[in-house]
Amino acid sequence: MGSFSIWHWLIVLVIVMVVFGTKKLGNMGSDLGKAVKGFKDGVKGEEEKPVAKDQTTIDVQAKDKEKSGS
């Protein structure tokens, strides 16, 4: 009754692929990878993110209006 042999695992794998299909298994693997990556990014936290420099934006339309005197 001990551990399963390689043949047991292959039969289980074939049954899982028949039930779920290879496309569904591929999507589940991709989703799992994205979840792990998101978890790792969340664990890193805010301290490792680069600090953005203070950027000033200029409203071009407002600046043109000042020049034209409208």
C-alpha atoms as a PDB file:
ATOM      1  CA  MET A   1       0.000   0.000   0.000  1.00  0.00           C
ATOM      2  CA  GLY A   2       3.024   2.362   0.314  1.00  0.00           C
ATOM      3  CA  SER A   3       3.824   5.211  -2.051  1.00  0.00           C
ATOM      4  CA  PHE A   4       2.581   5.408  -5.606  1.00  0.00           C
ATOM      5  CA  SER A   5       4.807   4.290  -8.465  1.00  0.00           C
ATOM      6  CA  ILE A   6       5.418   6.304 -11.603  1.00  0.00           C
ATOM      7  CA  TRP A   7       2.685   4.339 -13.392  1.00  0.00           C
ATOM      8  CA  HIS A   8       0.080   5.413 -10.835  1.00  0.00           C
ATOM      9  CA  TRP A   9       1.025   9.067 -11.323  1.00  0.00           C
ATOM     10  CA  LEU A  10       0.915   8.748 -15.121  1.00  0.00           C
ATOM     11  CA  ILE A  11      -2.575   7.258 -14.980  1.00  0.00           C
ATOM     12  CA  VAL A  12      -3.740  10.053 -12.672  1.00  0.00           C
ATOM     13  CA  LEU A  13      -2.208  12.634 -15.033  1.00  0.00           C
ATOM     14  CA  VAL A  14      -3.989  11.135 -18.047  1.00  0.00           C
ATOM     15  CA  ILE A  15      -7.322  11.123 -16.207  1.00  0.00           C
ATOM     16  CA  VAL A  16      -6.860  14.767 -15.143  1.00  0.00           C
ATOM     17  CA  MET A  17      -6.010  15.775 -18.723  1.00  0.00           C
ATOM     18  CA  VAL A  18      -9.089  13.962 -20.049  1.00  0.00           C
ATOM     19  CA  VAL A  19     -11.380  15.586 -17.463  1.00  0.00           C
ATOM     20  CA  PHE A  20     -10.047  19.157 -17.637  1.00  0.00           C
ATOM     21  CA  GLY A  21      -8.400  19.284 -21.068  1.00  0.00           C
ATOM     22  CA  THR A  22      -4.939  20.600 -21.845  1.00  0.00           C
ATOM     23  CA  LYS A  23      -6.110  24.152 -22.586  1.00  0.00           C
ATOM     24  CA  LYS A  24      -7.765  24.483 -19.188  1.00  0.00           C
ATOM     25  CA  LEU A  25      -4.657  23.126 -17.447  1.00  0.00           C
ATOM     26  CA  GLY A  26      -2.461  25.597 -19.354  1.00  0.00           C
ATOM     27  CA  ASN A  27      -4.678  28.499 -18.303  1.00  0.00           C
ATOM     28  CA  MET A  28      -4.600  27.347 -14.683  1.00  0.00           C
ATOM     29  CA  GLY A  29      -0.796  27.161 -14.795  1.00  0.00           C
ATOM     30  CA  SER A  30      -0.557  30.642 -16.272  1.00  0.00           C
ATOM     31  CA  ASP A  31      -2.926  32.056 -13.649  1.00  0.00           C
ATOM     32  CA  LEU A  32      -0.938  30.380 -10.886  1.00  0.00           C
ATOM     33  CA  GLY A  33       2.290  31.911 -12.213  1.00  0.00           C
ATOM     34  CA  LYS A  34       0.736  35.390 -12.295  1.00  0.00           C
ATOM     35  CA  ALA A  35      -0.540  34.939  -8.746  1.00  0.00           C
ATOM     36  CA  VAL A  36       2.909  33.920  -7.483  1.00  0.00           C
ATOM     37  CA  LYS A  37       4.519  36.898  -9.254  1.00  0.00           C
ATOM     38  CA  GLY A  38       1.943  39.264  -7.775  1.00  0.00           C
ATOM     39  CA  PHE A  39       2.539  37.805  -4.320  1.00  0.00           C
ATOM     40  CA  LYS A  40       6.306  38.280  -4.646  1.00  0.00           C
ATOM     41  CA  ASP A  41       5.833  41.882  -5.776  1.00  0.00           C
ATOM     42  CA  GLY A  42       3.513  42.496  -2.823  1.00  0.00           C
ATOM     43  CA  VAL A  43       6.014  41.049  -0.362  1.00  0.00           C
ATOM     44  CA  LYS A  44       8.754  43.347  -1.649  1.00  0.00           C
ATOM     45  CA  GLY A  45       6.665  46.257  -0.472  1.00  0.00           C
ATOM     46  CA  GLU A  46       6.862  49.940  -1.136  1.00  0.00           C
ATOM     47  CA  GLU A  47      10.413  50.438   0.153  1.00  0.00           C
ATOM     48  CA  GLU A  48      12.085  48.913  -2.908  1.00  0.00           C
ATOM     49  CA  LYS A  49      10.094  50.860  -5.497  1.00  0.00           C
ATOM     50  CA  PRO A  50      12.036  53.739  -7.040  1.00  0.00           C
ATOM     51  CA  VAL A  51      10.876  57.180  -6.001  1.00  0.00           C
ATOM     52  CA  ALA A  52       9.647  59.221  -8.961  1.00  0.00           C
ATOM     53  CA  LYS A  53      11.030  62.731  -9.315  1.00  0.00           C
ATOM     54  CA  ASP A  54       8.576  65.574  -8.889  1.00  0.00           C
ATOM     55  CA  GLN A  55       7.425  66.273 -12.416  1.00  0.00           C
ATOM     56  CA  THR A  56       5.734  69.509 -13.393  1.00  0.00           C
ATOM     57  CA  THR A  57       3.234  69.478 -16.228  1.00  0.00           C
ATOM     58  CA  ILE A  58       2.282  72.511 -18.253  1.00  0.00           C
ATOM     59  CA  ASP A  59      -1.146  72.966 -19.748  1.00  0.00           C
ATOM     60  CA  VAL A  60      -0.314  74.041 -23.302  1.00  0.00           C
ATOM     61  CA  GLN A  61      -3.775  75.442 -24.017  1.00  0.00           C
ATOM     62  CA  ALA A  62      -3.719  77.621 -20.912  1.00  0.00           C
ATOM     63  CA  LYS A  63      -0.257  78.917 -21.784  1.00  0.00           C
ATOM     64  CA  ASP A  64      -1.390  79.756 -25.344  1.00  0.00           C
ATOM     65  CA  LYS A  65      -4.390  81.661 -24.002  1.00  0.00           C
ATOM     66  CA  GLU A  66      -2.124  83.770 -21.767  1.00  0.00           C
ATOM     67  CA  LYS A  67       0.044  84.710 -24.747  1.00  0.00           C
ATOM     68  CA  SER A  68      -2.861  85.650 -26.989  1.00  0.00           C
ATOM     69  CA  GLY A  69      -4.510  87.751 -24.281  1.00  0.00           C
ATOM     70  CA  SER A  70      -7.891  86.016 -24.425  1.00  0.00           C
END
